[in-house]
Amino acid sequence: MEVKIEKLSQQELKKRGVFSWPIWEKEVSRFNWYYDQIEQCYFLEGKVILETKDGKKIEFGKGDFVTFPKGLSCVWDIKDPVRKHYNFK
């Protein structure tokens, strides 16, 4: 189960329809999360350190296009307030 982090051009983001996806916002916080579907999102603002069950830490934030796999159980540690477009598959 791999979290995929990409840097996509504005053109590619538009092609995928990212800017029409809903927006989710969250203040600095820490919480458990489980993905029961694949989620793709594009970070407009923020910085997050994601901790997986096996202790791996993955950092992402503003400008990143992130794909979270179905079945991922993790802890979100939001360091800077997050604002992101998101879409479930």
C-alpha atoms as a PDB file:
ATOM      1  CA  MET A   1       0.000   0.000   0.000  1.00  0.00           C
ATOM      2  CA  GLU A   2       1.832   2.996  -1.266  1.00  0.00           C
ATOM      3  CA  VAL A   3       0.991   6.683  -0.886  1.00  0.00           C
ATOM      4  CA  LYS A   4       1.860   8.334  -4.197  1.00  0.00           C
ATOM      5  CA  ILE A   5       3.014  11.982  -4.233  1.00  0.00           C
ATOM      6  CA  GLU A   6       3.313  13.797  -7.548  1.00  0.00           C
ATOM      7  CA  LYS A   7       4.009  17.309  -8.798  1.00  0.00           C
ATOM      8  CA  LEU A   8       1.556  17.977 -11.623  1.00  0.00           C
ATOM      9  CA  SER A   9       1.462  20.968 -13.949  1.00  0.00           C
ATOM     10  CA  GLN A  10      -1.496  23.359 -13.803  1.00  0.00           C
ATOM     11  CA  GLN A  11      -2.392  22.049 -17.271  1.00  0.00           C
ATOM     12  CA  GLU A  12      -2.464  18.428 -16.054  1.00  0.00           C
ATOM     13  CA  LEU A  13      -4.515  19.392 -12.969  1.00  0.00           C
ATOM     14  CA  LYS A  14      -7.065  21.162 -15.213  1.00  0.00           C
ATOM     15  CA  LYS A  15      -7.168  18.167 -17.576  1.00  0.00           C
ATOM     16  CA  ARG A  16      -8.028  15.896 -14.637  1.00  0.00           C
ATOM     17  CA  GLY A  17     -10.755  18.305 -13.472  1.00  0.00           C
ATOM     18  CA  VAL A  18      -9.081  18.828 -10.082  1.00  0.00           C
ATOM     19  CA  PHE A  19     -10.267  22.429  -9.670  1.00  0.00           C
ATOM     20  CA  SER A  20     -13.919  21.331  -9.833  1.00  0.00           C
ATOM     21  CA  TRP A  21     -13.448  18.829  -6.969  1.00  0.00           C
ATOM     22  CA  PRO A  22     -14.793  19.749  -3.502  1.00  0.00           C
ATOM     23  CA  ILE A  23     -12.471  21.484  -1.026  1.00  0.00           C
ATOM     24  CA  TRP A  24     -11.659  20.176   2.463  1.00  0.00           C
ATOM     25  CA  GLU A  25     -10.048  22.340   5.141  1.00  0.00           C
ATOM     26  CA  LYS A  26      -8.600  21.378   8.517  1.00  0.00           C
ATOM     27  CA  GLU A  27      -6.734  23.243  11.246  1.00  0.00           C
ATOM     28  CA  VAL A  28      -3.493  22.071  12.890  1.00  0.00           C
ATOM     29  CA  SER A  29      -4.426  18.755  14.520  1.00  0.00           C
ATOM     30  CA  ARG A  30      -3.626  15.071  14.829  1.00  0.00           C
ATOM     31  CA  PHE A  31      -6.085  12.231  14.157  1.00  0.00           C
ATOM     32  CA  ASN A  32      -6.418   8.612  13.039  1.00  0.00           C
ATOM     33  CA  TRP A  33      -7.778   7.960   9.554  1.00  0.00           C
ATOM     34  CA  TYR A  34      -8.749   4.930   7.461  1.00  0.00           C
ATOM     35  CA  TYR A  35      -9.253   4.988   3.675  1.00  0.00           C
ATOM     36  CA  ASP A  36     -12.144   2.761   2.612  1.00  0.00           C
ATOM     37  CA  GLN A  37     -11.788   4.096  -0.951  1.00  0.00           C
ATOM     38  CA  ILE A  38      -8.937   5.452  -3.064  1.00  0.00           C
ATOM     39  CA  GLU A  39      -8.612   9.201  -2.503  1.00  0.00           C
ATOM     40  CA  GLN A  40      -6.809  11.628  -4.778  1.00  0.00           C
ATOM     41  CA  CYS A  41      -6.205  15.184  -3.651  1.00  0.00           C
ATOM     42  CA  TYR A  42      -4.336  18.340  -4.549  1.00  0.00           C
ATOM     43  CA  PHE A  43      -2.985  20.491  -1.718  1.00  0.00           C
ATOM     44  CA  LEU A  44      -3.586  24.220  -2.103  1.00  0.00           C
ATOM     45  CA  GLU A  45      -2.178  24.954   1.362  1.00  0.00           C
ATOM     46  CA  GLY A  46      -0.715  23.188   4.363  1.00  0.00           C
ATOM     47  CA  LYS A  47       1.818  20.659   5.525  1.00  0.00           C
ATOM     48  CA  VAL A  48       1.088  17.140   6.781  1.00  0.00           C
ATOM     49  CA  ILE A  49       3.163  14.298   8.176  1.00  0.00           C
ATOM     50  CA  LEU A  50       1.339  11.026   7.646  1.00  0.00           C
ATOM     51  CA  GLU A  51       2.325   8.120   9.888  1.00  0.00           C
ATOM     52  CA  THR A  52       1.566   4.575   8.744  1.00  0.00           C
ATOM     53  CA  LYS A  53       0.965   1.566  11.023  1.00  0.00           C
ATOM     54  CA  ASP A  54       4.503   0.297  10.314  1.00  0.00           C
ATOM     55  CA  GLY A  55       6.013   3.571  11.561  1.00  0.00           C
ATOM     56  CA  LYS A  56       6.781   5.100   8.165  1.00  0.00           C
ATOM     57  CA  LYS A  57       6.458   8.908   7.984  1.00  0.00           C
ATOM     58  CA  ILE A  58       5.486  10.602   4.733  1.00  0.00           C
ATOM     59  CA  GLU A  59       5.494  14.383   4.391  1.00  0.00           C
ATOM     60  CA  PHE A  60       3.445  16.310   1.837  1.00  0.00           C
ATOM     61  CA  GLY A  61       1.696  19.631   1.440  1.00  0.00           C
ATOM     62  CA  LYS A  62       1.170  22.679  -0.741  1.00  0.00           C
ATOM     63  CA  GLY A  63       1.535  21.881  -4.439  1.00  0.00           C
ATOM     64  CA  ASP A  64       1.462  18.098  -4.017  1.00  0.00           C
ATOM     65  CA  PHE A  65      -0.985  15.779  -5.784  1.00  0.00           C
ATOM     66  CA  VAL A  66      -1.402  12.799  -3.472  1.00  0.00           C
ATOM     67  CA  THR A  67      -3.082   9.415  -4.017  1.00  0.00           C
ATOM     68  CA  PHE A  68      -4.017   7.429  -0.899  1.00  0.00           C
ATOM     69  CA  PRO A  69      -4.660   3.698  -1.446  1.00  0.00           C
ATOM     70  CA  LYS A  70      -7.830   1.923  -0.319  1.00  0.00           C
ATOM     71  CA  GLY A  71      -7.234   0.095   2.964  1.00  0.00           C
ATOM     72  CA  LEU A  72      -4.608   2.518   4.318  1.00  0.00           C
ATOM     73  CA  SER A  73      -4.786   3.053   8.064  1.00  0.00           C
ATOM     74  CA  CYS A  74      -2.734   6.001   9.304  1.00  0.00           C
ATOM     75  CA  VAL A  75      -2.364   9.047  11.526  1.00  0.00           C
ATOM     76  CA  TRP A  76      -2.622  12.524  10.036  1.00  0.00           C
ATOM     77  CA  ASP A  77      -0.382  15.035  11.811  1.00  0.00           C
ATOM     78  CA  ILE A  78      -1.281  18.446  10.347  1.00  0.00           C
ATOM     79  CA  LYS A  79       1.563  20.912  10.953  1.00  0.00           C
ATOM     80  CA  ASP A  80       0.194  23.835   8.882  1.00  0.00           C
ATOM     81  CA  PRO A  81      -3.565  24.271   8.197  1.00  0.00           C
ATOM     82  CA  VAL A  82      -4.685  22.247   5.180  1.00  0.00           C
ATOM     83  CA  ARG A  83      -6.832  23.263   2.232  1.00  0.00           C
ATOM     84  CA  LYS A  84      -7.157  20.676  -0.533  1.00  0.00           C
ATOM     85  CA  HIS A  85      -9.274  19.568  -3.478  1.00  0.00           C
ATOM     86  CA  TYR A  86     -10.250  15.912  -3.072  1.00  0.00           C
ATOM     87  CA  ASN A  87     -11.921  13.110  -5.001  1.00  0.00           C
ATOM     88  CA  PHE A  88     -12.829   9.531  -4.087  1.00  0.00           C
ATOM     89  CA  LYS A  89     -12.620   6.728  -6.651  1.00  0.00           C
END
